[in-house]
């Protein structure tokens, strides 16, 4: 088992690396050249900047049973199809039961934005979200 982090814009890279270390699980950070992230206790894979290049590299590296950390619904769906366990930056798990609804929401939101509408953004991140993420990741690693 390994943890793969979609690190472009991910607020919990350090939390994931630290939690992985507590359980002795290898952690790989995937990012593009504009978000080069190096952490002492993790492997970093840097890909060329380009639409979804980090996402496709992550999907190609992971195996069934690995854990992926992402806030991208499309990437989450691809990881689920490979048999991975997928969680977001708040520790919520993506599943076969909820991914279709999330992808539909993403499509509707994109349509609203294309027509000139606006969707409400996410509120400012609070420390409780980091705690929730670490608790959720620890629970997955304890299984």
C-alpha atoms as a PDB file:
ATOM      1  CA  UNK A   1       0.000   0.000   0.000  1.00  0.00           C
ATOM      2  CA  UNK A   2       1.145   3.494  -0.876  1.00  0.00           C
ATOM      3  CA  UNK A   3      -0.320   6.961  -0.607  1.00  0.00           C
ATOM      4  CA  UNK A   4      -0.382   9.134  -3.728  1.00  0.00           C
ATOM      5  CA  UNK A   5      -1.087  12.847  -3.342  1.00  0.00           C
ATOM      6  CA  UNK A   6      -2.423  15.037  -6.137  1.00  0.00           C
ATOM      7  CA  UNK A   7      -0.377  17.902  -4.759  1.00  0.00           C
ATOM      8  CA  UNK A   8      -1.274  20.744  -7.119  1.00  0.00           C
ATOM      9  CA  UNK A   9      -3.307  23.001  -4.833  1.00  0.00           C
ATOM     10  CA  UNK A  10      -3.562  20.386  -2.073  1.00  0.00           C
ATOM     11  CA  UNK A  11      -3.637  21.936   1.433  1.00  0.00           C
ATOM     12  CA  UNK A  12      -2.835  18.672   3.274  1.00  0.00           C
ATOM     13  CA  UNK A  13       0.437  17.522   1.712  1.00  0.00           C
ATOM     14  CA  UNK A  14       2.353  17.852   4.991  1.00  0.00           C
ATOM     15  CA  UNK A  15      -0.472  16.214   6.966  1.00  0.00           C
ATOM     16  CA  UNK A  16      -0.538  13.240   4.589  1.00  0.00           C
ATOM     17  CA  UNK A  17       3.246  12.790   4.610  1.00  0.00           C
ATOM     18  CA  UNK A  18       3.354  13.012   8.413  1.00  0.00           C
ATOM     19  CA  UNK A  19       0.480  10.526   8.842  1.00  0.00           C
ATOM     20  CA  UNK A  20       2.030   8.115   6.332  1.00  0.00           C
ATOM     21  CA  UNK A  21       5.281   8.240   8.289  1.00  0.00           C
ATOM     22  CA  UNK A  22       3.515   7.299  11.530  1.00  0.00           C
ATOM     23  CA  UNK A  23       2.266   4.121   9.854  1.00  0.00           C
ATOM     24  CA  UNK A  24       5.438   3.370   7.885  1.00  0.00           C
ATOM     25  CA  UNK A  25       3.616   3.766   4.564  1.00  0.00           C
ATOM     26  CA  UNK A  26       5.396   5.172   1.523  1.00  0.00           C
ATOM     27  CA  UNK A  27       4.048   8.434   0.207  1.00  0.00           C
ATOM     28  CA  UNK A  28       4.392   9.878  -3.304  1.00  0.00           C
ATOM     29  CA  UNK A  29       3.679  13.492  -4.143  1.00  0.00           C
ATOM     30  CA  UNK A  30       2.662  14.181  -7.740  1.00  0.00           C
ATOM     31  CA  UNK A  31       2.846  17.760  -9.027  1.00  0.00           C
ATOM     32  CA  UNK A  32       3.646  19.721 -12.142  1.00  0.00           C
ATOM     33  CA  UNK A  33       6.601  22.033 -12.681  1.00  0.00           C
ATOM     34  CA  UNK A  34       4.705  25.087 -11.439  1.00  0.00           C
ATOM     35  CA  UNK A  35       4.021  23.460  -8.042  1.00  0.00           C
ATOM     36  CA  UNK A  36       7.275  21.638  -7.327  1.00  0.00           C
ATOM     37  CA  UNK A  37       6.920  20.241  -3.792  1.00  0.00           C
ATOM     38  CA  UNK A  38       9.726  18.383  -2.060  1.00  0.00           C
ATOM     39  CA  UNK A  39       9.288  16.707   1.316  1.00  0.00           C
ATOM     40  CA  UNK A  40      12.006  14.799   3.125  1.00  0.00           C
ATOM     41  CA  UNK A  41       9.863  11.765   3.932  1.00  0.00           C
ATOM     42  CA  UNK A  42       8.179  11.399   0.532  1.00  0.00           C
ATOM     43  CA  UNK A  43       9.032  10.690  -3.061  1.00  0.00           C
ATOM     44  CA  UNK A  44       8.165  13.524  -5.443  1.00  0.00           C
ATOM     45  CA  UNK A  45       7.203  12.973  -9.063  1.00  0.00           C
ATOM     46  CA  UNK A  46       7.253  16.156 -11.121  1.00  0.00           C
ATOM     47  CA  UNK A  47       5.493  16.145 -14.471  1.00  0.00           C
ATOM     48  CA  UNK A  48       5.420  18.693 -17.273  1.00  0.00           C
ATOM     49  CA  UNK A  49       2.879  21.441 -16.880  1.00  0.00           C
ATOM     50  CA  UNK A  50      -0.182  20.584 -18.901  1.00  0.00           C
ATOM     51  CA  UNK A  51      -3.858  19.754 -18.660  1.00  0.00           C
ATOM     52  CA  UNK A  52      -4.238  16.732 -16.380  1.00  0.00           C
ATOM     53  CA  UNK A  53      -0.637  15.546 -16.775  1.00  0.00           C
ATOM     54  CA  UNK A  54      -0.244  15.080 -13.005  1.00  0.00           C
ATOM     55  CA  UNK A  55      -3.601  13.305 -12.838  1.00  0.00           C
ATOM     56  CA  UNK A  56      -2.706  10.793 -15.542  1.00  0.00           C
ATOM     57  CA  UNK A  57       0.697  10.092 -13.972  1.00  0.00           C
ATOM     58  CA  UNK A  58      -0.929   9.454 -10.604  1.00  0.00           C
ATOM     59  CA  UNK A  59      -3.470   7.045 -12.099  1.00  0.00           C
ATOM     60  CA  UNK A  60      -0.736   5.172 -13.946  1.00  0.00           C
ATOM     61  CA  UNK A  61       1.365   4.787 -10.787  1.00  0.00           C
ATOM     62  CA  UNK A  62      -1.277   3.559  -8.366  1.00  0.00           C
ATOM     63  CA  UNK A  63      -2.442   0.006  -7.815  1.00  0.00           C
ATOM     64  CA  UNK A  64      -5.537  -1.532  -6.278  1.00  0.00           C
ATOM     65  CA  UNK A  65      -5.514  -0.953  -2.527  1.00  0.00           C
ATOM     66  CA  UNK A  66      -3.414   2.212  -2.681  1.00  0.00           C
ATOM     67  CA  UNK A  67      -4.748   5.471  -1.255  1.00  0.00           C
ATOM     68  CA  UNK A  68      -5.123   8.590  -3.398  1.00  0.00           C
ATOM     69  CA  UNK A  69      -5.600  12.071  -1.945  1.00  0.00           C
ATOM     70  CA  UNK A  70      -7.290  14.516  -4.313  1.00  0.00           C
ATOM     71  CA  UNK A  71      -9.993  17.140  -4.484  1.00  0.00           C
ATOM     72  CA  UNK A  72     -10.537  16.494  -8.213  1.00  0.00           C
ATOM     73  CA  UNK A  73     -13.709  14.486  -8.853  1.00  0.00           C
ATOM     74  CA  UNK A  74     -12.553  13.336 -12.286  1.00  0.00           C
ATOM     75  CA  UNK A  75      -9.268  12.036 -10.903  1.00  0.00           C
ATOM     76  CA  UNK A  76     -11.117  10.413  -8.015  1.00  0.00           C
ATOM     77  CA  UNK A  77     -13.308   8.522 -10.501  1.00  0.00           C
ATOM     78  CA  UNK A  78     -10.255   7.268 -12.416  1.00  0.00           C
ATOM     79  CA  UNK A  79      -8.584   6.153  -9.166  1.00  0.00           C
ATOM     80  CA  UNK A  80     -11.725   4.322  -8.032  1.00  0.00           C
ATOM     81  CA  UNK A  81     -11.798   2.460 -11.355  1.00  0.00           C
ATOM     82  CA  UNK A  82      -8.261   1.221 -10.583  1.00  0.00           C
ATOM     83  CA  UNK A  83      -9.363  -0.152  -7.199  1.00  0.00           C
ATOM     84  CA  UNK A  84      -7.811   2.582  -5.062  1.00  0.00           C
ATOM     85  CA  UNK A  85      -9.263   4.129  -1.934  1.00  0.00           C
ATOM     86  CA  UNK A  86      -9.737   7.858  -2.513  1.00  0.00           C
ATOM     87  CA  UNK A  87     -10.177  10.678   0.007  1.00  0.00           C
ATOM     88  CA  UNK A  88     -10.373  14.432  -0.317  1.00  0.00           C
ATOM     89  CA  UNK A  89      -8.528  17.130   1.635  1.00  0.00           C
ATOM     90  CA  UNK A  90     -11.217  17.063   4.335  1.00  0.00           C
ATOM     91  CA  UNK A  91     -10.983  13.294   4.833  1.00  0.00           C
ATOM     92  CA  UNK A  92     -14.222  12.449   3.019  1.00  0.00           C
ATOM     93  CA  UNK A  93     -14.020   9.229   1.063  1.00  0.00           C
ATOM     94  CA  UNK A  94     -15.055   9.042  -2.572  1.00  0.00           C
ATOM     95  CA  UNK A  95     -16.936   5.840  -3.355  1.00  0.00           C
ATOM     96  CA  UNK A  96     -18.688   4.191  -6.258  1.00  0.00           C
ATOM     97  CA  UNK A  97     -21.921   5.290  -4.562  1.00  0.00           C
ATOM     98  CA  UNK A  98     -21.153   9.029  -4.411  1.00  0.00           C
ATOM     99  CA  UNK A  99     -18.828   9.737  -7.352  1.00  0.00           C
ATOM    100  CA  UNK A 100     -21.566   9.930 -10.014  1.00  0.00           C
ATOM    101  CA  UNK A 101     -23.410  12.640  -8.106  1.00  0.00           C
ATOM    102  CA  UNK A 102     -20.210  14.600  -7.565  1.00  0.00           C
ATOM    103  CA  UNK A 103     -19.315  14.412 -11.260  1.00  0.00           C
ATOM    104  CA  UNK A 104     -22.832  15.569 -12.156  1.00  0.00           C
ATOM    105  CA  UNK A 105     -22.497  18.520  -9.770  1.00  0.00           C
ATOM    106  CA  UNK A 106     -19.171  19.400 -11.404  1.00  0.00           C
ATOM    107  CA  UNK A 107     -20.766  19.329 -14.858  1.00  0.00           C
ATOM    108  CA  UNK A 108     -23.697  21.515 -13.785  1.00  0.00           C
ATOM    109  CA  UNK A 109     -21.332  23.980 -12.088  1.00  0.00           C
ATOM    110  CA  UNK A 110     -19.215  24.220 -15.243  1.00  0.00           C
ATOM    111  CA  UNK A 111     -22.325  24.862 -17.314  1.00  0.00           C
ATOM    112  CA  UNK A 112     -23.414  27.660 -14.962  1.00  0.00           C
ATOM    113  CA  UNK A 113     -19.953  29.261 -15.138  1.00  0.00           C
ATOM    114  CA  UNK A 114     -19.852  29.025 -18.943  1.00  0.00           C
ATOM    115  CA  UNK A 115     -23.184  30.840 -19.143  1.00  0.00           C
ATOM    116  CA  UNK A 116     -21.819  33.688 -17.011  1.00  0.00           C
ATOM    117  CA  UNK A 117     -23.152  32.541 -13.653  1.00  0.00           C
ATOM    118  CA  UNK A 118     -21.182  32.165 -10.473  1.00  0.00           C
ATOM    119  CA  UNK A 119     -21.038  29.362  -7.972  1.00  0.00           C
ATOM    120  CA  UNK A 120     -20.305  30.025  -4.325  1.00  0.00           C
ATOM    121  CA  UNK A 121     -16.685  29.214  -3.505  1.00  0.00           C
ATOM    122  CA  UNK A 122     -15.423  27.158  -0.614  1.00  0.00           C
ATOM    123  CA  UNK A 123     -15.136  28.876   2.758  1.00  0.00           C
ATOM    124  CA  UNK A 124     -11.714  29.556   4.271  1.00  0.00           C
ATOM    125  CA  UNK A 125     -10.022  26.387   5.516  1.00  0.00           C
ATOM    126  CA  UNK A 126     -10.099  25.849   9.280  1.00  0.00           C
ATOM    127  CA  UNK A 127      -7.867  23.661  11.508  1.00  0.00           C
ATOM    128  CA  UNK A 128     -10.742  21.218  12.124  1.00  0.00           C
ATOM    129  CA  UNK A 129     -10.572  20.198   8.452  1.00  0.00           C
ATOM    130  CA  UNK A 130      -6.902  19.230   8.854  1.00  0.00           C
ATOM    131  CA  UNK A 131      -7.769  17.186  11.948  1.00  0.00           C
ATOM    132  CA  UNK A 132     -10.626  15.484  10.099  1.00  0.00           C
ATOM    133  CA  UNK A 133      -8.298  14.617   7.219  1.00  0.00           C
ATOM    134  CA  UNK A 134      -5.618  13.158   9.495  1.00  0.00           C
ATOM    135  CA  UNK A 135      -8.201  11.147  11.445  1.00  0.00           C
ATOM    136  CA  UNK A 136      -9.706   9.744   8.261  1.00  0.00           C
ATOM    137  CA  UNK A 137      -6.330   8.867   6.726  1.00  0.00           C
ATOM    138  CA  UNK A 138      -5.213   7.241   9.985  1.00  0.00           C
ATOM    139  CA  UNK A 139      -8.379   5.146  10.040  1.00  0.00           C
ATOM    140  CA  UNK A 140      -7.715   3.965   6.479  1.00  0.00           C
ATOM    141  CA  UNK A 141      -4.122   3.087   7.300  1.00  0.00           C
ATOM    142  CA  UNK A 142      -5.166   1.206  10.457  1.00  0.00           C
ATOM    143  CA  UNK A 143      -7.270  -1.267   8.451  1.00  0.00           C
END
